[in-house]
Amino acid sequence: MLRGFCDVQIGAMIIHDVSIFRKEANAWAALPSKPRIGADGQQMMGNNGKPLWSPIVEWATREASEKFSISVIEAIEQDNPGQTG
């Protein structure tokens, strides 16, 4: 479930609209993405009926992605306890 968005600064770079999600006891952060648009101009849907999204930027490894996500969630919880829950 989408909980909200935040901006994340890494060195001199600011990443806007990082998505914050929570499902049961798990919270995670995801880099921004954009809808995949079909030839008809509508957002494409997957076989499961959910909208398809394309990454704008992405981490080169799953490990880097998980480290980023953990760091973002920890920072949010440190500054705003309970905001990801």
C-alpha atoms as a PDB file:
ATOM      1  CA  MET A   1       0.000   0.000   0.000  1.00  0.00           C
ATOM      2  CA  LEU A   2       1.384   3.364  -0.977  1.00  0.00           C
ATOM      3  CA  ARG A   3       2.005   5.489   2.131  1.00  0.00           C
ATOM      4  CA  GLY A   4       3.390   8.601   0.454  1.00  0.00           C
ATOM      5  CA  PHE A   5       6.326  10.216  -1.268  1.00  0.00           C
ATOM      6  CA  CYS A   6       9.561  11.866  -0.188  1.00  0.00           C
ATOM      7  CA  ASP A   7      12.610  13.551  -1.631  1.00  0.00           C
ATOM      8  CA  VAL A   8      15.997  11.936  -0.976  1.00  0.00           C
ATOM      9  CA  GLN A   9      19.353  13.686  -1.193  1.00  0.00           C
ATOM     10  CA  ILE A  10      22.428  11.607  -2.005  1.00  0.00           C
ATOM     11  CA  GLY A  11      25.468  13.860  -2.133  1.00  0.00           C
ATOM     12  CA  ALA A  12      24.705  16.673  -4.589  1.00  0.00           C
ATOM     13  CA  MET A  13      21.773  14.787  -6.176  1.00  0.00           C
ATOM     14  CA  ILE A  14      18.140  15.059  -5.041  1.00  0.00           C
ATOM     15  CA  ILE A  15      15.727  12.327  -6.084  1.00  0.00           C
ATOM     16  CA  HIS A  16      12.156  13.617  -6.023  1.00  0.00           C
ATOM     17  CA  ASP A  17       9.027  11.516  -5.545  1.00  0.00           C
ATOM     18  CA  VAL A  18      10.566   8.428  -3.979  1.00  0.00           C
ATOM     19  CA  SER A  19       7.562   6.198  -3.198  1.00  0.00           C
ATOM     20  CA  ILE A  20       7.097   4.795   0.296  1.00  0.00           C
ATOM     21  CA  PHE A  21       5.138   1.552   0.581  1.00  0.00           C
ATOM     22  CA  ARG A  22       4.007  -0.624   3.458  1.00  0.00           C
ATOM     23  CA  LYS A  23       2.489  -4.106   3.461  1.00  0.00           C
ATOM     24  CA  GLU A  24       1.929  -5.805   6.798  1.00  0.00           C
ATOM     25  CA  ALA A  25       5.171  -5.416   8.795  1.00  0.00           C
ATOM     26  CA  ASN A  26       7.318  -4.480   5.775  1.00  0.00           C
ATOM     27  CA  ALA A  27       8.042  -0.951   4.591  1.00  0.00           C
ATOM     28  CA  TRP A  28      10.170  -0.066   1.567  1.00  0.00           C
ATOM     29  CA  ALA A  29      11.172   2.829  -0.667  1.00  0.00           C
ATOM     30  CA  ALA A  30      11.090   2.735  -4.466  1.00  0.00           C
ATOM     31  CA  LEU A  31      12.719   5.026  -6.982  1.00  0.00           C
ATOM     32  CA  PRO A  32      10.382   7.078  -9.200  1.00  0.00           C
ATOM     33  CA  SER A  33       8.826   5.439 -12.234  1.00  0.00           C
ATOM     34  CA  LYS A  34       6.496   6.429 -15.035  1.00  0.00           C
ATOM     35  CA  PRO A  35       3.491   4.677 -16.547  1.00  0.00           C
ATOM     36  CA  ARG A  36       4.094   2.488 -19.610  1.00  0.00           C
ATOM     37  CA  ILE A  37       1.960   3.917 -22.395  1.00  0.00           C
ATOM     38  CA  GLY A  38       0.644   1.790 -25.247  1.00  0.00           C
ATOM     39  CA  ALA A  39       0.065   2.751 -28.883  1.00  0.00           C
ATOM     40  CA  ASP A  40      -3.480   3.774 -27.924  1.00  0.00           C
ATOM     41  CA  GLY A  41      -2.138   6.399 -25.498  1.00  0.00           C
ATOM     42  CA  GLN A  42      -3.436   4.501 -22.439  1.00  0.00           C
ATOM     43  CA  GLN A  43      -1.421   3.030 -19.589  1.00  0.00           C
ATOM     44  CA  MET A  44      -0.576  -0.596 -20.306  1.00  0.00           C
ATOM     45  CA  MET A  45      -1.784  -3.328 -17.971  1.00  0.00           C
ATOM     46  CA  GLY A  46      -0.040  -6.556 -17.075  1.00  0.00           C
ATOM     47  CA  ASN A  47      -1.582 -10.015 -17.309  1.00  0.00           C
ATOM     48  CA  ASN A  48      -2.570  -9.629 -13.650  1.00  0.00           C
ATOM     49  CA  GLY A  49      -4.619  -6.519 -14.448  1.00  0.00           C
ATOM     50  CA  LYS A  50      -2.239  -4.168 -12.642  1.00  0.00           C
ATOM     51  CA  PRO A  51      -0.794  -1.067 -14.343  1.00  0.00           C
ATOM     52  CA  LEU A  52       2.721  -1.394 -15.804  1.00  0.00           C
ATOM     53  CA  TRP A  53       5.457   1.065 -14.806  1.00  0.00           C
ATOM     54  CA  SER A  54       8.899   1.793 -16.284  1.00  0.00           C
ATOM     55  CA  PRO A  55      11.850   2.915 -14.177  1.00  0.00           C
ATOM     56  CA  ILE A  56      13.202   6.423 -14.651  1.00  0.00           C
ATOM     57  CA  VAL A  57      16.448   5.548 -12.856  1.00  0.00           C
ATOM     58  CA  GLU A  58      17.436   2.256 -11.301  1.00  0.00           C
ATOM     59  CA  TRP A  59      20.078   0.650  -9.149  1.00  0.00           C
ATOM     60  CA  ALA A  60      22.591  -1.615 -10.869  1.00  0.00           C
ATOM     61  CA  THR A  61      22.168  -4.353  -8.242  1.00  0.00           C
ATOM     62  CA  ARG A  62      19.439  -5.646  -5.955  1.00  0.00           C
ATOM     63  CA  GLU A  63      21.832  -5.134  -3.031  1.00  0.00           C
ATOM     64  CA  ALA A  64      22.140  -1.421  -3.819  1.00  0.00           C
ATOM     65  CA  SER A  65      18.368  -1.130  -4.141  1.00  0.00           C
ATOM     66  CA  GLU A  66      17.778  -2.809  -0.771  1.00  0.00           C
ATOM     67  CA  LYS A  67      20.440  -0.676   0.940  1.00  0.00           C
ATOM     68  CA  PHE A  68      18.795   2.485  -0.425  1.00  0.00           C
ATOM     69  CA  SER A  69      15.345   1.347   0.674  1.00  0.00           C
ATOM     70  CA  ILE A  70      16.482   0.450   4.190  1.00  0.00           C
ATOM     71  CA  SER A  71      18.324   3.766   4.548  1.00  0.00           C
ATOM     72  CA  VAL A  72      15.297   5.791   3.437  1.00  0.00           C
ATOM     73  CA  ILE A  73      12.883   3.964   5.752  1.00  0.00           C
ATOM     74  CA  GLU A  74      15.301   4.315   8.689  1.00  0.00           C
ATOM     75  CA  ALA A  75      15.688   8.055   8.030  1.00  0.00           C
ATOM     76  CA  ILE A  76      11.917   8.559   7.870  1.00  0.00           C
ATOM     77  CA  GLU A  77      11.374   6.597  11.087  1.00  0.00           C
ATOM     78  CA  GLN A  78      14.164   8.498  12.851  1.00  0.00           C
ATOM     79  CA  ASP A  79      12.737  11.915  11.934  1.00  0.00           C
ATOM     80  CA  ASN A  80       9.038  10.967  12.038  1.00  0.00           C
ATOM     81  CA  PRO A  81       8.380   7.881  14.176  1.00  0.00           C
ATOM     82  CA  GLY A  82       5.420   5.837  12.986  1.00  0.00           C
ATOM     83  CA  GLN A  83       5.112   7.561   9.583  1.00  0.00           C
ATOM     84  CA  THR A  84       5.755   4.404   7.593  1.00  0.00           C
ATOM     85  CA  GLY A  85       3.369   2.314   9.688  1.00  0.00           C
END
